[in-house]
Structure formats: structure tokens, C-alpha cells
Amino acid sequence: MLFRSREPVRLDDIAEYVGYELDSRGLSYVPVGGSFDITFVFHVLGESQRNWQVFVHVDGPGGPRINGDHEPVERGKYPVRLWQPGDYIRDRITVAIPITYRPGIYTVFMGFFDGGDRMRTEGGEHDRENRVIAARVRVQ
């Protein structure tokens, strides 16, 4: 099921974050020591010549940040520089929650980077670090 962002988050003039799908293996939560798949959905607004990559930060009450940086769409099969206006892009990753982490609500932040640059975020839920607040996941 697609969970739509209340208001799309614009990422520069290249794309907008529409929402996500979450697969927690049929559970309403993610077990500590388990994993979940999250699929980010984007609507492409314009072309880019840069080699943007996706960063994913999962922050919560236990342990250090979980990082999920990657090349978009199955580890680089459809890079941002090839995206065409009007396309809808689905980018899925698997996030593992270590067994040593505590239960609670974990926030999934997402955005795009190229070297030290990040795409600028506007509208919707985002923070001052140009990270989309993509999802919140209950871990128990």
C-alpha cells in the first residue's frame, strides 16, 4: 500500500517525493533484529546531468544511525541522470534493525547527494539538512 506524503517534497527542480511503501513481512511493526523493505516513490519533474545517489538515515532510540546510501533503482540500474520528466520512479531498499537496538519509533530520512552536495528540499516534511522525513517505523 502506498503511503502518500501529505504534501510532496520537492527535490531541487528534478523530482518530488510522493510517498513510500513499507513491507514489514506482514507485521504491523518491525521486530528488533528483523528488517523491512521501504520503497520510495518519486515523480520526475526535470532532467539532471549529475550522478545523484540516495542517502537513507534511520534514527531512533537505540544504537547509532543506520545508513542506507545507494545508487537509485536496484543499485544503479536507472541513475538519476537518465530520469525523464513525467516518470514515476520506485526505489526499494532493505533496512535491517540490529538485535542490539531498542524498541521505539524510528524515523527514516531520505534525500539525494553528489559528493558533498545535497539536493535542496522544499515543501512537505523535511528538515534543515535537506532530508525528507520519509517515514516513521515502529520497532518492537
C-alpha atoms as a PDB file:
ATOM      1  CA  MET A   1       0.000   0.000   0.000  1.00  0.00           C
ATOM      2  CA  LEU A   2       1.334   3.449  -0.920  1.00  0.00           C
ATOM      3  CA  PHE A   3       1.529   5.912   1.943  1.00  0.00           C
ATOM      4  CA  ARG A   4       1.390   9.354   0.346  1.00  0.00           C
ATOM      5  CA  SER A   5       3.238  12.318   1.746  1.00  0.00           C
ATOM      6  CA  ARG A   6       0.715  14.894   2.998  1.00  0.00           C
ATOM      7  CA  GLU A   7       2.389  17.356   0.675  1.00  0.00           C
ATOM      8  CA  PRO A   8       5.009  16.257  -1.866  1.00  0.00           C
ATOM      9  CA  VAL A   9       8.560  17.326  -1.048  1.00  0.00           C
ATOM     10  CA  ARG A  10      10.277  18.996  -3.981  1.00  0.00           C
ATOM     11  CA  LEU A  11      13.888  17.960  -4.541  1.00  0.00           C
ATOM     12  CA  ASP A  12      15.517  20.825  -6.451  1.00  0.00           C
ATOM     13  CA  ASP A  13      13.719  21.014  -9.784  1.00  0.00           C
ATOM     14  CA  ILE A  14      14.440  17.368 -10.509  1.00  0.00           C
ATOM     15  CA  ALA A  15      11.835  15.337  -8.623  1.00  0.00           C
ATOM     16  CA  GLU A  16       9.263  15.321  -5.901  1.00  0.00           C
ATOM     17  CA  TYR A  17       8.925  12.728  -3.168  1.00  0.00           C
ATOM     18  CA  VAL A  18       5.390  11.336  -3.423  1.00  0.00           C
ATOM     19  CA  GLY A  19       5.380   8.700  -0.675  1.00  0.00           C
ATOM     20  CA  TYR A  20       6.515   5.211   0.274  1.00  0.00           C
ATOM     21  CA  GLU A  21       5.508   1.582   0.548  1.00  0.00           C
ATOM     22  CA  LEU A  22       6.587  -0.435   3.581  1.00  0.00           C
ATOM     23  CA  ASP A  23       6.900  -4.199   3.782  1.00  0.00           C
ATOM     24  CA  SER A  24       7.456  -5.406   7.333  1.00  0.00           C
ATOM     25  CA  ARG A  25       6.919  -9.071   6.461  1.00  0.00           C
ATOM     26  CA  GLY A  26       3.182  -8.969   7.201  1.00  0.00           C
ATOM     27  CA  LEU A  27       3.556  -7.447  10.661  1.00  0.00           C
ATOM     28  CA  SER A  28       2.298  -4.045  11.852  1.00  0.00           C
ATOM     29  CA  TYR A  29       5.760  -3.375  13.299  1.00  0.00           C
ATOM     30  CA  VAL A  30       9.377  -4.338  12.659  1.00  0.00           C
ATOM     31  CA  PRO A  31      10.866  -6.738  15.205  1.00  0.00           C
ATOM     32  CA  VAL A  32      14.199  -5.900  16.818  1.00  0.00           C
ATOM     33  CA  GLY A  33      16.713  -7.967  14.860  1.00  0.00           C
ATOM     34  CA  GLY A  34      14.393  -8.001  11.847  1.00  0.00           C
ATOM     35  CA  SER A  35      14.247  -5.982   8.666  1.00  0.00           C
ATOM     36  CA  PHE A  36      11.839  -4.101   6.446  1.00  0.00           C
ATOM     37  CA  ASP A  37      11.734  -3.089   2.804  1.00  0.00           C
ATOM     38  CA  ILE A  38      10.908   0.512   2.026  1.00  0.00           C
ATOM     39  CA  THR A  39      10.120   1.708  -1.481  1.00  0.00           C
ATOM     40  CA  PHE A  40      10.410   5.440  -2.084  1.00  0.00           C
ATOM     41  CA  VAL A  41       8.195   6.835  -4.851  1.00  0.00           C
ATOM     42  CA  PHE A  42       9.258   9.901  -6.857  1.00  0.00           C
ATOM     43  CA  HIS A  43       7.667  11.899  -9.659  1.00  0.00           C
ATOM     44  CA  VAL A  44      10.311  13.278 -12.032  1.00  0.00           C
ATOM     45  CA  LEU A  45       9.980  17.000 -12.794  1.00  0.00           C
ATOM     46  CA  GLY A  46      13.155  17.751 -14.747  1.00  0.00           C
ATOM     47  CA  GLU A  47      16.397  16.333 -16.065  1.00  0.00           C
ATOM     48  CA  SER A  48      19.759  16.271 -14.285  1.00  0.00           C
ATOM     49  CA  GLN A  49      23.274  15.690 -15.555  1.00  0.00           C
ATOM     50  CA  ARG A  50      24.644  14.837 -12.116  1.00  0.00           C
ATOM     51  CA  ASN A  51      25.277  11.397 -10.626  1.00  0.00           C
ATOM     52  CA  TRP A  52      22.985  11.828  -7.638  1.00  0.00           C
ATOM     53  CA  GLN A  53      22.837   8.996  -5.136  1.00  0.00           C
ATOM     54  CA  VAL A  54      20.194   8.328  -2.498  1.00  0.00           C
ATOM     55  CA  PHE A  55      21.073   8.632   1.169  1.00  0.00           C
ATOM     56  CA  VAL A  56      18.941   6.981   3.822  1.00  0.00           C
ATOM     57  CA  HIS A  57      19.331   7.687   7.537  1.00  0.00           C
ATOM     58  CA  VAL A  58      17.306   5.694  10.064  1.00  0.00           C
ATOM     59  CA  ASP A  59      17.408   7.287  13.515  1.00  0.00           C
ATOM     60  CA  GLY A  60      15.747   6.017  16.653  1.00  0.00           C
ATOM     61  CA  PRO A  61      16.123   5.372  20.365  1.00  0.00           C
ATOM     62  CA  GLY A  62      18.694   2.595  20.048  1.00  0.00           C
ATOM     63  CA  GLY A  63      22.210   2.421  18.719  1.00  0.00           C
ATOM     64  CA  PRO A  64      23.944   4.551  16.123  1.00  0.00           C
ATOM     65  CA  ARG A  65      22.295   5.774  12.908  1.00  0.00           C
ATOM     66  CA  ILE A  66      21.535   3.125  10.294  1.00  0.00           C
ATOM     67  CA  ASN A  67      22.810   4.256   6.872  1.00  0.00           C
ATOM     68  CA  GLY A  68      21.421   3.043   3.575  1.00  0.00           C
ATOM     69  CA  ASP A  69      23.248   5.156   0.970  1.00  0.00           C
ATOM     70  CA  HIS A  70      22.923   3.702  -2.524  1.00  0.00           C
ATOM     71  CA  GLU A  71      22.641   4.351  -6.228  1.00  0.00           C
ATOM     72  CA  PRO A  72      18.953   4.631  -7.126  1.00  0.00           C
ATOM     73  CA  VAL A  73      16.779   1.877  -8.546  1.00  0.00           C
ATOM     74  CA  GLU A  74      18.284  -1.507  -7.785  1.00  0.00           C
ATOM     75  CA  ARG A  75      21.780  -0.224  -7.057  1.00  0.00           C
ATOM     76  CA  GLY A  76      22.222   1.875 -10.188  1.00  0.00           C
ATOM     77  CA  LYS A  77      20.065   0.262 -12.875  1.00  0.00           C
ATOM     78  CA  TYR A  78      18.309   3.593 -13.549  1.00  0.00           C
ATOM     79  CA  PRO A  79      20.526   6.512 -12.467  1.00  0.00           C
ATOM     80  CA  VAL A  80      19.049   9.977 -11.897  1.00  0.00           C
ATOM     81  CA  ARG A  81      20.855  11.408 -14.944  1.00  0.00           C
ATOM     82  CA  LEU A  82      18.623   9.163 -17.128  1.00  0.00           C
ATOM     83  CA  TRP A  83      15.313  10.032 -15.450  1.00  0.00           C
ATOM     84  CA  GLN A  84      12.773  11.701 -17.748  1.00  0.00           C
ATOM     85  CA  PRO A  85      10.163  14.315 -16.753  1.00  0.00           C
ATOM     86  CA  GLY A  86       6.821  12.649 -16.077  1.00  0.00           C
ATOM     87  CA  ASP A  87       8.350   9.340 -14.972  1.00  0.00           C
ATOM     88  CA  TYR A  88       7.361   7.783 -11.655  1.00  0.00           C
ATOM     89  CA  ILE A  89      10.351   6.115 -10.032  1.00  0.00           C
ATOM     90  CA  ARG A  90      10.242   3.395  -7.371  1.00  0.00           C
ATOM     91  CA  ASP A  91      13.433   2.878  -5.379  1.00  0.00           C
ATOM     92  CA  ARG A  92      13.447  -0.020  -2.884  1.00  0.00           C
ATOM     93  CA  ILE A  93      15.958  -0.864  -0.173  1.00  0.00           C
ATOM     94  CA  THR A  94      16.054  -3.267   2.756  1.00  0.00           C
ATOM     95  CA  VAL A  95      16.836  -1.894   6.222  1.00  0.00           C
ATOM     96  CA  ALA A  96      17.964  -4.254   8.987  1.00  0.00           C
ATOM     97  CA  ILE A  97      17.376  -3.343  12.643  1.00  0.00           C
ATOM     98  CA  PRO A  98      20.228  -4.814  14.721  1.00  0.00           C
ATOM     99  CA  ILE A  99      19.263  -7.106  17.577  1.00  0.00           C
ATOM    100  CA  THR A 100      21.066  -4.731  19.984  1.00  0.00           C
ATOM    101  CA  TYR A 101      18.724  -1.781  19.197  1.00  0.00           C
ATOM    102  CA  ARG A 102      15.878  -0.740  21.493  1.00  0.00           C
ATOM    103  CA  PRO A 103      12.185  -0.744  20.604  1.00  0.00           C
ATOM    104  CA  GLY A 104      10.546   2.557  19.697  1.00  0.00           C
ATOM    105  CA  ILE A 105       9.683   4.804  16.791  1.00  0.00           C
ATOM    106  CA  TYR A 106      12.417   5.119  14.169  1.00  0.00           C
ATOM    107  CA  THR A 107      12.418   7.937  11.613  1.00  0.00           C
ATOM    108  CA  VAL A 108      13.503   7.253   8.043  1.00  0.00           C
ATOM    109  CA  PHE A 109      15.173  10.284   6.452  1.00  0.00           C
ATOM    110  CA  MET A 110      15.980  10.292   2.751  1.00  0.00           C
ATOM    111  CA  GLY A 111      17.472  12.593   0.148  1.00  0.00           C
ATOM    112  CA  PHE A 112      19.958  12.843  -2.700  1.00  0.00           C
ATOM    113  CA  PHE A 113      23.670  13.662  -2.625  1.00  0.00           C
ATOM    114  CA  ASP A 114      26.532  14.055  -5.065  1.00  0.00           C
ATOM    115  CA  GLY A 115      29.848  14.346  -3.244  1.00  0.00           C
ATOM    116  CA  GLY A 116      29.330  17.000  -0.563  1.00  0.00           C
ATOM    117  CA  ASP A 117      26.217  18.499  -2.204  1.00  0.00           C
ATOM    118  CA  ARG A 118      22.620  17.613  -1.388  1.00  0.00           C
ATOM    119  CA  MET A 119      19.503  18.333  -3.396  1.00  0.00           C
ATOM    120  CA  ARG A 120      17.578  21.215  -1.816  1.00  0.00           C
ATOM    121  CA  THR A 121      14.216  20.248  -0.269  1.00  0.00           C
ATOM    122  CA  GLU A 122      11.082  22.410  -0.308  1.00  0.00           C
ATOM    123  CA  GLY A 123       7.536  21.813   0.940  1.00  0.00           C
ATOM    124  CA  GLY A 124       6.225  18.764   2.720  1.00  0.00           C
ATOM    125  CA  GLU A 125       8.048  17.217   5.660  1.00  0.00           C
ATOM    126  CA  HIS A 126      11.788  17.866   5.576  1.00  0.00           C
ATOM    127  CA  ASP A 127      14.483  19.188   7.896  1.00  0.00           C
ATOM    128  CA  ARG A 128      17.173  21.855   7.707  1.00  0.00           C
ATOM    129  CA  GLU A 129      19.700  19.293   6.476  1.00  0.00           C
ATOM    130  CA  ASN A 130      17.777  18.806   3.187  1.00  0.00           C
ATOM    131  CA  ARG A 131      16.486  15.420   4.335  1.00  0.00           C
ATOM    132  CA  VAL A 132      12.942  14.294   3.552  1.00  0.00           C
ATOM    133  CA  ILE A 133      11.185  12.856   6.592  1.00  0.00           C
ATOM    134  CA  ALA A 134      10.103   9.856   4.552  1.00  0.00           C
ATOM    135  CA  ALA A 135       8.530   7.534   7.118  1.00  0.00           C
ATOM    136  CA  ARG A 136       8.233   6.569  10.752  1.00  0.00           C
ATOM    137  CA  VAL A 137       8.520   2.894  11.650  1.00  0.00           C
ATOM    138  CA  ARG A 138       7.561   1.178  14.902  1.00  0.00           C
ATOM    139  CA  VAL A 139      10.203  -1.277  16.126  1.00  0.00           C
ATOM    140  CA  GLN A 140       9.429  -3.707  18.966  1.00  0.00           C
END
